[in-house]
Amino acid sequence: MVRAGKVGLDTVLFADLLASPETRIEQSELVREAAQRGVFDVPTFVLGHRLIWGSDRLILLRHAISKLTARKV
């Protein structure tokens, strides 16, 4: 909760929302979707049908996004 407060969030509200049943349901659904897509590491980014995982591959993500945005211009 300390970090939530450091970025300006209401820590009480943040804690309440984090512990809510709705949040837990949504988290379960997102974890299930990630597993279905083949996510197995953190961080993982899904770009189209491509998975890019691991902080050491962020340069690959940046390159892939640059290529996609260059095509749309």
Protein backbone atom coordinates (compact mmCIF):
# COMPACT_ATOMS: atom_id res chain seq x y z
CA MET A 1 0.00 0.00 0.00
CA VAL A 2 2.96 2.33 0.51
CA ARG A 3 3.61 2.46 -3.24
CA ALA A 4 -0.05 3.19 -3.95
CA GLY A 5 0.17 6.20 -1.67
CA LYS A 6 3.44 7.34 -3.24
CA VAL A 7 1.77 7.60 -6.65
CA GLY A 8 -1.16 9.54 -5.24
CA LEU A 9 -3.77 6.82 -4.85
CA ASP A 10 -6.18 6.71 -1.93
CA THR A 11 -4.63 3.78 -0.05
CA VAL A 12 -7.81 2.85 1.83
CA LEU A 13 -9.88 2.77 -1.36
CA PHE A 14 -7.10 0.92 -3.18
CA ALA A 15 -6.93 -1.75 -0.46
CA ASP A 16 -10.73 -2.11 -0.45
CA LEU A 17 -10.88 -2.49 -4.23
CA LEU A 18 -7.96 -4.92 -4.25
CA ALA A 19 -9.70 -7.14 -1.69
CA SER A 20 -13.13 -6.96 -3.33
CA PRO A 21 -14.80 -10.11 -4.71
CA GLU A 22 -15.16 -8.40 -8.09
CA THR A 23 -11.42 -7.81 -8.30
CA ARG A 24 -10.67 -11.41 -7.36
CA ILE A 25 -13.08 -12.67 -10.04
CA GLU A 26 -11.54 -10.39 -12.67
CA GLN A 27 -8.05 -11.48 -11.66
CA SER A 28 -9.01 -15.14 -12.02
CA GLU A 29 -10.46 -14.48 -15.47
CA LEU A 30 -7.33 -12.60 -16.57
CA VAL A 31 -5.05 -15.37 -15.29
CA ARG A 32 -7.14 -17.96 -17.13
CA GLU A 33 -7.01 -15.91 -20.35
CA ALA A 34 -3.26 -15.46 -20.02
CA ALA A 35 -2.76 -19.20 -19.59
CA GLN A 36 -4.91 -19.88 -22.66
CA ARG A 37 -2.71 -17.51 -24.67
CA GLY A 38 0.42 -19.29 -23.51
CA VAL A 39 1.69 -16.71 -21.03
CA PHE A 40 4.17 -18.29 -18.66
CA ASP A 41 6.55 -15.53 -17.60
CA VAL A 42 6.45 -11.99 -16.24
CA PRO A 43 6.41 -9.54 -17.84
CA THR A 44 4.63 -10.82 -20.92
CA PHE A 45 3.17 -8.61 -23.62
CA VAL A 46 0.67 -9.83 -26.20
CA LEU A 47 1.01 -7.98 -29.48
CA GLY A 48 -1.48 -9.38 -31.95
CA HIS A 49 -0.83 -13.11 -31.82
CA ARG A 50 2.78 -12.69 -30.73
CA LEU A 51 4.00 -13.13 -27.16
CA ILE A 52 6.99 -11.13 -26.00
CA TRP A 53 8.18 -12.01 -22.52
CA GLY A 54 10.95 -11.05 -20.17
CA SER A 55 12.29 -7.62 -19.32
CA ASP A 56 15.38 -8.31 -21.43
CA ARG A 57 13.13 -8.40 -24.52
CA LEU A 58 11.53 -4.98 -24.09
CA ILE A 59 13.66 -3.73 -26.99
CA LEU A 60 11.96 -6.34 -29.19
CA LEU A 61 8.57 -5.09 -28.03
CA ARG A 62 9.54 -1.51 -28.83
CA HIS A 63 10.73 -2.56 -32.28
CA ALA A 64 7.54 -4.54 -33.01
CA ILE A 65 5.36 -1.61 -31.94
CA SER A 66 7.42 0.78 -34.08
CA LYS A 67 6.93 -1.48 -37.10
CA LEU A 68 3.18 -1.64 -36.52
CA THR A 69 2.76 2.09 -36.07
CA ALA A 70 4.95 2.84 -39.12
CA ARG A 71 2.62 0.75 -41.29
CA LYS A 72 -0.45 2.69 -40.15
CA VAL A 73 0.94 6.11 -41.06
